[in-house]
Amino acid sequence: MKQINVKETMHEMLLRQMGANVVCFLGKQCFVKFNINGYEVSYAYNINAKEKYFLQRVKPYPMIAGVFEDLRDVVNMIQIDVEQFKNVIESGKFEKFLELNKKILDTARNLEDLFLYYIVDEEVFDEISKEIEKVREKIHECAAPEKRVYFKKDPETL
């Protein structure tokens, strides 16, 4: 146990030397896993520095689910999310959804690499922004009220 503490202290020191403000506390981190028709849907949550519950979906793709006041809200969010995944898995379109999602996540990483590693011309910002806006418009077009299938919670971004 002391070896772990020494390693943690060394890492904290290195981060502080880099200019970070490091806050460490003993706490609880939980991993939650479901098997839905052969697909893993998993979550991780912990108590953050503001003593709130930070929840994120880990699989089938990473997504921040939110910050919550208490565990009941965390459980409720997971329950809704699992119900929604059951619906999309049973729809027969889950694989296509995962493929699109992976492309979007990969593209976000490509974009980050582009701007962190290369000098990018100003017009590239505008071009990429226009293409992203086209995709967003298409998503909003497809979110027609008559096609909605889940009603226990409203969409957060549409």
N, C-alpha and C. Protein backbone atom coordinates (compact mmCIF):
# COMPACT_ATOMS: atom_id res chain seq x y z
N MET A 1 0.82 -1.20 0.00
CA MET A 1 0.00 0.00 0.00
C MET A 1 0.86 1.26 0.00
N LYS A 2 1.96 1.25 0.75
CA LYS A 2 2.82 2.43 0.79
C LYS A 2 3.44 2.70 -0.57
N GLN A 3 3.75 1.64 -1.32
CA GLN A 3 4.33 1.83 -2.65
C GLN A 3 3.35 2.59 -3.54
N ILE A 4 2.08 2.25 -3.46
CA ILE A 4 1.07 2.95 -4.26
C ILE A 4 1.02 4.41 -3.85
N ASN A 5 1.02 4.68 -2.54
CA ASN A 5 0.97 6.06 -2.07
C ASN A 5 2.17 6.87 -2.55
N VAL A 6 3.37 6.26 -2.53
CA VAL A 6 4.56 6.95 -3.00
C VAL A 6 4.44 7.25 -4.49
N LYS A 7 3.96 6.27 -5.27
CA LYS A 7 3.79 6.49 -6.71
C LYS A 7 2.78 7.60 -6.97
N GLU A 8 1.68 7.60 -6.21
CA GLU A 8 0.68 8.65 -6.39
C GLU A 8 1.27 10.01 -6.06
N THR A 9 2.04 10.10 -4.98
CA THR A 9 2.65 11.36 -4.58
C THR A 9 3.62 11.85 -5.65
N MET A 10 4.38 10.94 -6.22
CA MET A 10 5.33 11.32 -7.29
C MET A 10 4.58 11.87 -8.50
N HIS A 11 3.46 11.24 -8.85
CA HIS A 11 2.68 11.71 -9.98
C HIS A 11 2.08 13.09 -9.69
N GLU A 12 1.59 13.26 -8.46
CA GLU A 12 1.04 14.56 -8.07
C GLU A 12 2.12 15.64 -8.18
N MET A 13 3.31 15.34 -7.71
CA MET A 13 4.42 16.29 -7.75
C MET A 13 4.74 16.67 -9.20
N LEU A 14 4.81 15.67 -10.09
CA LEU A 14 5.09 15.95 -11.50
C LEU A 14 4.02 16.84 -12.12
N LEU A 15 2.76 16.57 -11.78
CA LEU A 15 1.67 17.38 -12.32
C LEU A 15 1.74 18.81 -11.79
N ARG A 16 2.08 18.97 -10.51
CA ARG A 16 2.21 20.31 -9.94
C ARG A 16 3.36 21.07 -10.60
N GLN A 17 4.45 20.36 -10.87
CA GLN A 17 5.59 20.99 -11.55
C GLN A 17 5.21 21.47 -12.95
N MET A 18 4.21 20.81 -13.53
CA MET A 18 3.73 21.21 -14.85
C MET A 18 2.78 22.41 -14.76
N GLY A 19 2.42 22.80 -13.52
CA GLY A 19 1.54 23.94 -13.33
C GLY A 19 0.12 23.59 -12.96
N ALA A 20 -0.14 22.32 -12.72
CA ALA A 20 -1.51 21.88 -12.40
C ALA A 20 -1.83 22.12 -10.93
N ASN A 21 -3.10 22.30 -10.67
CA ASN A 21 -3.61 22.28 -9.30
C ASN A 21 -4.17 20.88 -9.10
N VAL A 22 -3.60 20.10 -8.21
CA VAL A 22 -3.98 18.71 -8.03
C VAL A 22 -4.74 18.56 -6.71
N VAL A 23 -5.95 18.04 -6.78
CA VAL A 23 -6.75 17.77 -5.59
C VAL A 23 -6.97 16.28 -5.53
N CYS A 24 -6.52 15.65 -4.46
CA CYS A 24 -6.70 14.21 -4.29
C CYS A 24 -7.55 13.96 -3.06
N PHE A 25 -8.42 13.00 -3.15
CA PHE A 25 -9.22 12.63 -2.00
C PHE A 25 -9.55 11.16 -2.10
N LEU A 26 -9.75 10.58 -0.95
CA LEU A 26 -10.17 9.19 -0.93
C LEU A 26 -11.66 9.17 -1.22
N GLY A 27 -12.07 8.31 -2.07
CA GLY A 27 -13.47 8.29 -2.41
C GLY A 27 -13.85 6.98 -3.06
N LYS A 28 -15.03 6.99 -3.57
CA LYS A 28 -15.59 5.80 -4.16
C LYS A 28 -15.69 5.99 -5.67
N GLN A 29 -15.23 5.01 -6.40
CA GLN A 29 -15.43 4.98 -7.84
C GLN A 29 -16.10 3.66 -8.15
N CYS A 30 -17.19 3.72 -8.87
CA CYS A 30 -17.94 2.51 -9.18
C CYS A 30 -18.03 2.30 -10.68
N PHE A 31 -17.95 1.04 -11.05
CA PHE A 31 -18.13 0.63 -12.44
C PHE A 31 -19.37 -0.24 -12.49
N VAL A 32 -20.23 0.04 -13.45
CA VAL A 32 -21.50 -0.66 -13.60
C VAL A 32 -21.55 -1.24 -15.00
N LYS A 33 -21.90 -2.52 -15.11
CA LYS A 33 -21.88 -3.17 -16.43
C LYS A 33 -23.18 -3.92 -16.66
N PHE A 34 -23.73 -3.76 -17.87
CA PHE A 34 -24.92 -4.49 -18.30
C PHE A 34 -24.58 -5.25 -19.57
N ASN A 35 -25.23 -6.40 -19.75
CA ASN A 35 -25.15 -7.13 -21.00
C ASN A 35 -26.54 -7.08 -21.62
N ILE A 36 -26.65 -6.39 -22.74
CA ILE A 36 -27.94 -6.25 -23.41
C ILE A 36 -27.83 -6.95 -24.76
N ASN A 37 -28.42 -8.12 -24.83
CA ASN A 37 -28.41 -8.92 -26.07
C ASN A 37 -27.00 -9.06 -26.65
N GLY A 38 -26.03 -9.31 -25.77
CA GLY A 38 -24.66 -9.52 -26.21
C GLY A 38 -23.81 -8.27 -26.32
N TYR A 39 -24.38 -7.11 -26.09
CA TYR A 39 -23.63 -5.85 -26.12
C TYR A 39 -23.38 -5.38 -24.69
N GLU A 40 -22.14 -4.96 -24.43
CA GLU A 40 -21.83 -4.41 -23.12
C GLU A 40 -22.17 -2.93 -23.10
N VAL A 41 -22.92 -2.54 -22.09
CA VAL A 41 -23.20 -1.13 -21.81
C VAL A 41 -22.70 -0.91 -20.39
N SER A 42 -21.69 -0.06 -20.24
CA SER A 42 -21.09 0.11 -18.91
C SER A 42 -20.90 1.58 -18.57
N TYR A 43 -20.81 1.83 -17.28
CA TYR A 43 -20.73 3.18 -16.74
C TYR A 43 -19.69 3.23 -15.64
N ALA A 44 -19.20 4.43 -15.39
CA ALA A 44 -18.33 4.69 -14.25
C ALA A 44 -18.83 5.96 -13.59
N TYR A 45 -18.87 5.95 -12.26
CA TYR A 45 -19.19 7.19 -11.57
C TYR A 45 -18.34 7.32 -10.32
N ASN A 46 -18.12 8.56 -9.95
CA ASN A 46 -17.33 8.85 -8.77
C ASN A 46 -17.79 10.19 -8.18
N ILE A 47 -17.32 10.47 -6.99
CA ILE A 47 -17.61 11.75 -6.37
C ILE A 47 -16.49 12.70 -6.78
N ASN A 48 -16.87 13.85 -7.34
CA ASN A 48 -15.86 14.80 -7.80
C ASN A 48 -15.45 15.76 -6.68
N ALA A 49 -14.59 16.70 -6.99
CA ALA A 49 -14.06 17.63 -5.99
C ALA A 49 -15.15 18.53 -5.40
N LYS A 50 -16.27 18.67 -6.09
CA LYS A 50 -17.38 19.49 -5.59
C LYS A 50 -18.41 18.65 -4.84
N GLU A 51 -18.04 17.40 -4.53
CA GLU A 51 -18.89 16.45 -3.82
C GLU A 51 -20.20 16.17 -4.56
N LYS A 52 -20.09 16.10 -5.87
CA LYS A 52 -21.20 15.71 -6.73
C LYS A 52 -20.81 14.42 -7.43
N TYR A 53 -21.80 13.70 -7.92
CA TYR A 53 -21.54 12.44 -8.62
C TYR A 53 -21.33 12.71 -10.11
N PHE A 54 -20.16 12.34 -10.59
CA PHE A 54 -19.82 12.49 -12.01
C PHE A 54 -20.03 11.13 -12.67
N LEU A 55 -20.94 11.07 -13.65
CA LEU A 55 -21.30 9.82 -14.32
C LEU A 55 -20.89 9.90 -15.78
N GLN A 56 -20.27 8.82 -16.24
CA GLN A 56 -19.97 8.72 -17.66
C GLN A 56 -20.25 7.31 -18.16
N ARG A 57 -20.72 7.25 -19.40
CA ARG A 57 -20.87 5.94 -20.04
C ARG A 57 -19.51 5.59 -20.60
N VAL A 58 -19.10 4.35 -20.39
CA VAL A 58 -17.80 3.88 -20.86
C VAL A 58 -17.95 3.09 -22.15
N LYS A 59 -18.91 2.19 -22.19
CA LYS A 59 -19.16 1.36 -23.38
C LYS A 59 -20.65 1.38 -23.68
N PRO A 60 -21.02 1.28 -24.92
CA PRO A 60 -20.27 0.89 -26.11
C PRO A 60 -19.41 2.01 -26.68
N TYR A 61 -19.57 3.24 -26.18
CA TYR A 61 -18.70 4.35 -26.57
C TYR A 61 -18.71 5.35 -25.41
N PRO A 62 -17.63 6.07 -25.24
CA PRO A 62 -17.55 6.99 -24.10
C PRO A 62 -18.41 8.24 -24.31
N MET A 63 -19.10 8.63 -23.22
CA MET A 63 -19.95 9.82 -23.28
C MET A 63 -20.17 10.30 -21.85
N ILE A 64 -19.96 11.57 -21.61
CA ILE A 64 -20.27 12.12 -20.30
C ILE A 64 -21.78 12.14 -20.14
N ALA A 65 -22.27 11.58 -19.04
CA ALA A 65 -23.70 11.51 -18.80
C ALA A 65 -24.18 12.63 -17.90
N GLY A 66 -23.27 13.24 -17.15
CA GLY A 66 -23.67 14.38 -16.34
C GLY A 66 -23.11 14.36 -14.93
N VAL A 67 -23.45 15.41 -14.20
CA VAL A 67 -23.07 15.56 -12.80
C VAL A 67 -24.37 15.62 -12.01
N PHE A 68 -24.44 14.83 -10.93
CA PHE A 68 -25.69 14.67 -10.20
C PHE A 68 -25.50 14.92 -8.71
N GLU A 69 -26.57 15.35 -8.07
CA GLU A 69 -26.55 15.66 -6.64
C GLU A 69 -26.46 14.41 -5.78
N ASP A 70 -27.22 13.38 -6.14
CA ASP A 70 -27.20 12.18 -5.30
C ASP A 70 -27.29 10.91 -6.14
N LEU A 71 -27.11 9.79 -5.46
CA LEU A 71 -27.07 8.50 -6.17
C LEU A 71 -28.39 8.12 -6.82
N ARG A 72 -29.51 8.57 -6.27
CA ARG A 72 -30.79 8.26 -6.91
C ARG A 72 -30.84 8.82 -8.33
N ASP A 73 -30.29 10.02 -8.50
CA ASP A 73 -30.26 10.62 -9.83
C ASP A 73 -29.34 9.84 -10.77
N VAL A 74 -28.23 9.34 -10.23
CA VAL A 74 -27.29 8.52 -11.02
C VAL A 74 -27.99 7.25 -11.48
N VAL A 75 -28.66 6.57 -10.55
CA VAL A 75 -29.36 5.32 -10.87
C VAL A 75 -30.46 5.59 -11.89
N ASN A 76 -31.21 6.67 -11.71
CA ASN A 76 -32.27 7.01 -12.64
C ASN A 76 -31.73 7.26 -14.05
N MET A 77 -30.62 7.97 -14.13
CA MET A 77 -30.01 8.25 -15.43
C MET A 77 -29.55 6.96 -16.11
N ILE A 78 -28.93 6.07 -15.33
CA ILE A 78 -28.47 4.79 -15.89
C ILE A 78 -29.67 3.97 -16.36
N GLN A 79 -30.74 3.96 -15.57
CA GLN A 79 -31.94 3.20 -15.94
C GLN A 79 -32.51 3.70 -17.27
N ILE A 80 -32.62 4.99 -17.43
CA ILE A 80 -33.14 5.57 -18.67
C ILE A 80 -32.22 5.23 -19.84
N ASP A 81 -30.93 5.38 -19.62
CA ASP A 81 -29.95 5.10 -20.67
C ASP A 81 -30.02 3.64 -21.12
N VAL A 82 -30.12 2.73 -20.17
CA VAL A 82 -30.21 1.30 -20.49
C VAL A 82 -31.48 1.01 -21.27
N GLU A 83 -32.60 1.60 -20.87
CA GLU A 83 -33.85 1.42 -21.61
C GLU A 83 -33.70 1.89 -23.05
N GLN A 84 -33.04 3.03 -23.23
CA GLN A 84 -32.85 3.56 -24.58
C GLN A 84 -31.94 2.65 -25.41
N PHE A 85 -30.91 2.10 -24.78
CA PHE A 85 -30.04 1.18 -25.51
C PHE A 85 -30.79 -0.10 -25.87
N LYS A 86 -31.64 -0.59 -24.98
CA LYS A 86 -32.45 -1.78 -25.32
C LYS A 86 -33.29 -1.50 -26.56
N ASN A 87 -33.89 -0.32 -26.61
CA ASN A 87 -34.72 0.04 -27.77
C ASN A 87 -33.92 0.05 -29.06
N VAL A 88 -32.75 0.71 -29.04
CA VAL A 88 -31.98 0.82 -30.28
C VAL A 88 -31.37 -0.53 -30.67
N ILE A 89 -31.00 -1.34 -29.70
CA ILE A 89 -30.46 -2.68 -30.01
C ILE A 89 -31.54 -3.54 -30.65
N GLU A 90 -32.75 -3.47 -30.09
CA GLU A 90 -33.86 -4.27 -30.62
C GLU A 90 -34.35 -3.75 -31.97
N SER A 91 -34.02 -2.52 -32.32
CA SER A 91 -34.45 -1.95 -33.60
C SER A 91 -33.73 -2.58 -34.78
N GLY A 92 -32.59 -3.24 -34.51
CA GLY A 92 -31.81 -3.83 -35.59
C GLY A 92 -30.87 -2.85 -36.27
N LYS A 93 -30.81 -1.62 -35.78
CA LYS A 93 -29.96 -0.60 -36.41
C LYS A 93 -28.78 -0.21 -35.52
N PHE A 94 -28.54 -0.98 -34.48
CA PHE A 94 -27.51 -0.62 -33.51
C PHE A 94 -26.11 -0.65 -34.11
N GLU A 95 -25.81 -1.65 -34.93
CA GLU A 95 -24.47 -1.74 -35.53
C GLU A 95 -24.18 -0.52 -36.41
N LYS A 96 -25.17 -0.10 -37.19
CA LYS A 96 -24.98 1.09 -38.03
C LYS A 96 -24.76 2.33 -37.16
N PHE A 97 -25.53 2.42 -36.08
CA PHE A 97 -25.38 3.53 -35.14
C PHE A 97 -23.97 3.54 -34.55
N LEU A 98 -23.49 2.36 -34.14
CA LEU A 98 -22.14 2.27 -33.57
C LEU A 98 -21.07 2.68 -34.59
N GLU A 99 -21.25 2.25 -35.83
CA GLU A 99 -20.29 2.62 -36.88
C GLU A 99 -20.23 4.14 -37.07
N LEU A 100 -21.41 4.77 -37.14
CA LEU A 100 -21.45 6.23 -37.28
C LEU A 100 -20.81 6.91 -36.07
N ASN A 101 -21.15 6.41 -34.90
CA ASN A 101 -20.61 7.00 -33.67
C ASN A 101 -19.10 6.88 -33.63
N LYS A 102 -18.57 5.74 -34.04
CA LYS A 102 -17.12 5.55 -34.06
C LYS A 102 -16.47 6.53 -35.03
N LYS A 103 -17.09 6.72 -36.18
CA LYS A 103 -16.55 7.68 -37.15
C LYS A 103 -16.52 9.10 -36.57
N ILE A 104 -17.58 9.46 -35.87
CA ILE A 104 -17.63 10.79 -35.26
C ILE A 104 -16.55 10.94 -34.20
N LEU A 105 -16.40 9.94 -33.34
CA LEU A 105 -15.37 10.00 -32.30
C LEU A 105 -13.97 10.02 -32.91
N ASP A 106 -13.75 9.20 -33.94
CA ASP A 106 -12.45 9.19 -34.62
C ASP A 106 -12.18 10.55 -35.28
N THR A 107 -13.22 11.14 -35.86
CA THR A 107 -13.07 12.45 -36.50
C THR A 107 -12.73 13.52 -35.47
N ALA A 108 -13.35 13.46 -34.31
CA ALA A 108 -13.02 14.42 -33.25
C ALA A 108 -11.56 14.29 -32.86
N ARG A 109 -11.08 13.07 -32.78
CA ARG A 109 -9.66 12.85 -32.45
C ARG A 109 -8.76 13.34 -33.59
N ASN A 110 -9.17 13.09 -34.84
CA ASN A 110 -8.41 13.60 -35.99
C ASN A 110 -8.33 15.13 -35.95
N LEU A 111 -9.45 15.76 -35.64
CA LEU A 111 -9.50 17.21 -35.57
C LEU A 111 -8.55 17.74 -34.49
N GLU A 112 -8.57 17.08 -33.35
CA GLU A 112 -7.66 17.48 -32.28
C GLU A 112 -6.21 17.34 -32.71
N ASP A 113 -5.88 16.21 -33.30
CA ASP A 113 -4.50 16.01 -33.78
C ASP A 113 -4.11 17.07 -34.81
N LEU A 114 -5.03 17.38 -35.72
CA LEU A 114 -4.75 18.39 -36.74
C LEU A 114 -4.37 19.72 -36.10
N PHE A 115 -5.18 20.18 -35.16
CA PHE A 115 -4.95 21.50 -34.58
C PHE A 115 -3.85 21.52 -33.54
N LEU A 116 -3.54 20.39 -32.93
CA LEU A 116 -2.46 20.36 -31.94
C LEU A 116 -1.09 20.14 -32.56
N TYR A 117 -1.06 19.51 -33.72
CA TYR A 117 0.23 19.14 -34.32
C TYR A 117 0.60 19.92 -35.57
N TYR A 118 -0.34 20.67 -36.14
CA TYR A 118 -0.07 21.33 -37.41
C TYR A 118 -0.53 22.79 -37.38
N ILE A 119 0.06 23.59 -38.23
CA ILE A 119 -0.42 24.95 -38.46
C ILE A 119 -1.58 24.82 -39.45
N VAL A 120 -2.73 25.32 -39.06
CA VAL A 120 -3.93 25.16 -39.88
C VAL A 120 -4.36 26.53 -40.40
N ASP A 121 -4.57 26.60 -41.69
CA ASP A 121 -5.01 27.85 -42.31
C ASP A 121 -6.40 28.23 -41.80
N GLU A 122 -6.62 29.52 -41.69
CA GLU A 122 -7.88 30.06 -41.15
C GLU A 122 -9.11 29.55 -41.91
N GLU A 123 -9.00 29.44 -43.24
CA GLU A 123 -10.18 29.01 -44.01
C GLU A 123 -10.57 27.56 -43.71
N VAL A 124 -9.63 26.77 -43.22
CA VAL A 124 -9.94 25.38 -42.87
C VAL A 124 -10.94 25.34 -41.71
N PHE A 125 -10.81 26.27 -40.77
CA PHE A 125 -11.77 26.36 -39.67
C PHE A 125 -13.18 26.52 -40.21
N ASP A 126 -13.34 27.46 -41.14
CA ASP A 126 -14.66 27.73 -41.72
C ASP A 126 -15.18 26.54 -42.51
N GLU A 127 -14.32 25.90 -43.31
CA GLU A 127 -14.74 24.75 -44.11
C GLU A 127 -15.21 23.60 -43.22
N ILE A 128 -14.43 23.29 -42.22
CA ILE A 128 -14.80 22.19 -41.32
C ILE A 128 -16.07 22.54 -40.56
N SER A 129 -16.18 23.77 -40.11
CA SER A 129 -17.37 24.20 -39.38
C SER A 129 -18.63 24.06 -40.24
N LYS A 130 -18.55 24.42 -41.52
CA LYS A 130 -19.69 24.29 -42.43
C LYS A 130 -20.09 22.83 -42.60
N GLU A 131 -19.12 21.95 -42.74
CA GLU A 131 -19.41 20.52 -42.90
C GLU A 131 -20.06 19.95 -41.63
N ILE A 132 -19.55 20.35 -40.49
CA ILE A 132 -20.14 19.88 -39.22
C ILE A 132 -21.57 20.39 -39.10
N GLU A 133 -21.79 21.62 -39.49
CA GLU A 133 -23.14 22.19 -39.41
C GLU A 133 -24.11 21.43 -40.32
N LYS A 134 -23.65 20.97 -41.47
CA LYS A 134 -24.50 20.16 -42.36
C LYS A 134 -24.93 18.87 -41.67
N VAL A 135 -24.01 18.22 -40.99
CA VAL A 135 -24.32 16.98 -40.28
C VAL A 135 -25.32 17.27 -39.16
N ARG A 136 -25.10 18.34 -38.42
CA ARG A 136 -26.01 18.70 -37.33
C ARG A 136 -27.42 18.99 -37.86
N GLU A 137 -27.50 19.69 -38.98
CA GLU A 137 -28.80 19.98 -39.60
C GLU A 137 -29.51 18.70 -39.99
N LYS A 138 -28.77 17.75 -40.55
CA LYS A 138 -29.36 16.46 -40.95
C LYS A 138 -29.90 15.73 -39.73
N ILE A 139 -29.14 15.74 -38.64
CA ILE A 139 -29.59 15.10 -37.40
C ILE A 139 -30.89 15.74 -36.92
N HIS A 140 -30.95 17.06 -36.92
CA HIS A 140 -32.16 17.76 -36.48
C HIS A 140 -33.35 17.48 -37.40
N GLU A 141 -33.10 17.40 -38.70
CA GLU A 141 -34.17 17.07 -39.65
C GLU A 141 -34.78 15.71 -39.35
N CYS A 142 -33.94 14.76 -39.00
CA CYS A 142 -34.40 13.38 -38.76
C CYS A 142 -35.13 13.23 -37.43
N ALA A 143 -34.99 14.20 -36.55
CA ALA A 143 -35.61 14.11 -35.23
C ALA A 143 -37.04 14.65 -35.26
N ALA A 144 -37.83 14.14 -36.18
CA ALA A 144 -39.21 14.57 -36.33
C ALA A 144 -40.06 14.00 -35.18
N PRO A 145 -40.96 14.80 -34.63
CA PRO A 145 -41.78 14.34 -33.49
C PRO A 145 -42.53 13.04 -33.76
N GLU A 146 -42.99 12.83 -34.98
CA GLU A 146 -43.76 11.62 -35.29
C GLU A 146 -42.89 10.36 -35.32
N LYS A 147 -41.56 10.52 -35.33
CA LYS A 147 -40.66 9.37 -35.34
C LYS A 147 -40.09 9.05 -33.96
N ARG A 148 -40.48 9.82 -32.98
CA ARG A 148 -39.94 9.62 -31.63
C ARG A 148 -40.43 8.30 -31.05
N VAL A 149 -39.52 7.57 -30.35
CA VAL A 149 -39.87 6.26 -29.79
C VAL A 149 -39.68 6.19 -28.27
N TYR A 150 -39.04 7.17 -27.67
CA TYR A 150 -38.80 7.14 -26.22
C TYR A 150 -39.32 8.44 -25.61
N PHE A 151 -40.15 8.29 -24.54
CA PHE A 151 -40.84 9.45 -24.00
C PHE A 151 -40.65 9.68 -22.50
N LYS A 152 -39.92 8.81 -21.81
CA LYS A 152 -39.74 8.99 -20.36
C LYS A 152 -38.83 10.17 -20.03
N LYS A 153 -38.07 10.60 -21.00
CA LYS A 153 -37.14 11.72 -20.82
C LYS A 153 -37.01 12.43 -22.15
N ASP A 154 -36.94 13.74 -22.11
CA ASP A 154 -36.76 14.51 -23.34
C ASP A 154 -35.30 14.49 -23.76
N PRO A 155 -35.05 14.57 -25.07
CA PRO A 155 -33.66 14.65 -25.54
C PRO A 155 -32.98 15.90 -24.97
N GLU A 156 -31.71 15.80 -24.71
CA GLU A 156 -30.99 16.93 -24.11
C GLU A 156 -30.46 17.91 -25.14
N THR A 157 -30.28 17.48 -26.38
CA THR A 157 -29.65 18.36 -27.36
C THR A 157 -30.50 18.59 -28.61
N LEU A 158 -31.63 17.96 -28.73
CA LEU A 158 -32.48 18.15 -29.92
C LEU A 158 -33.77 18.87 -29.54
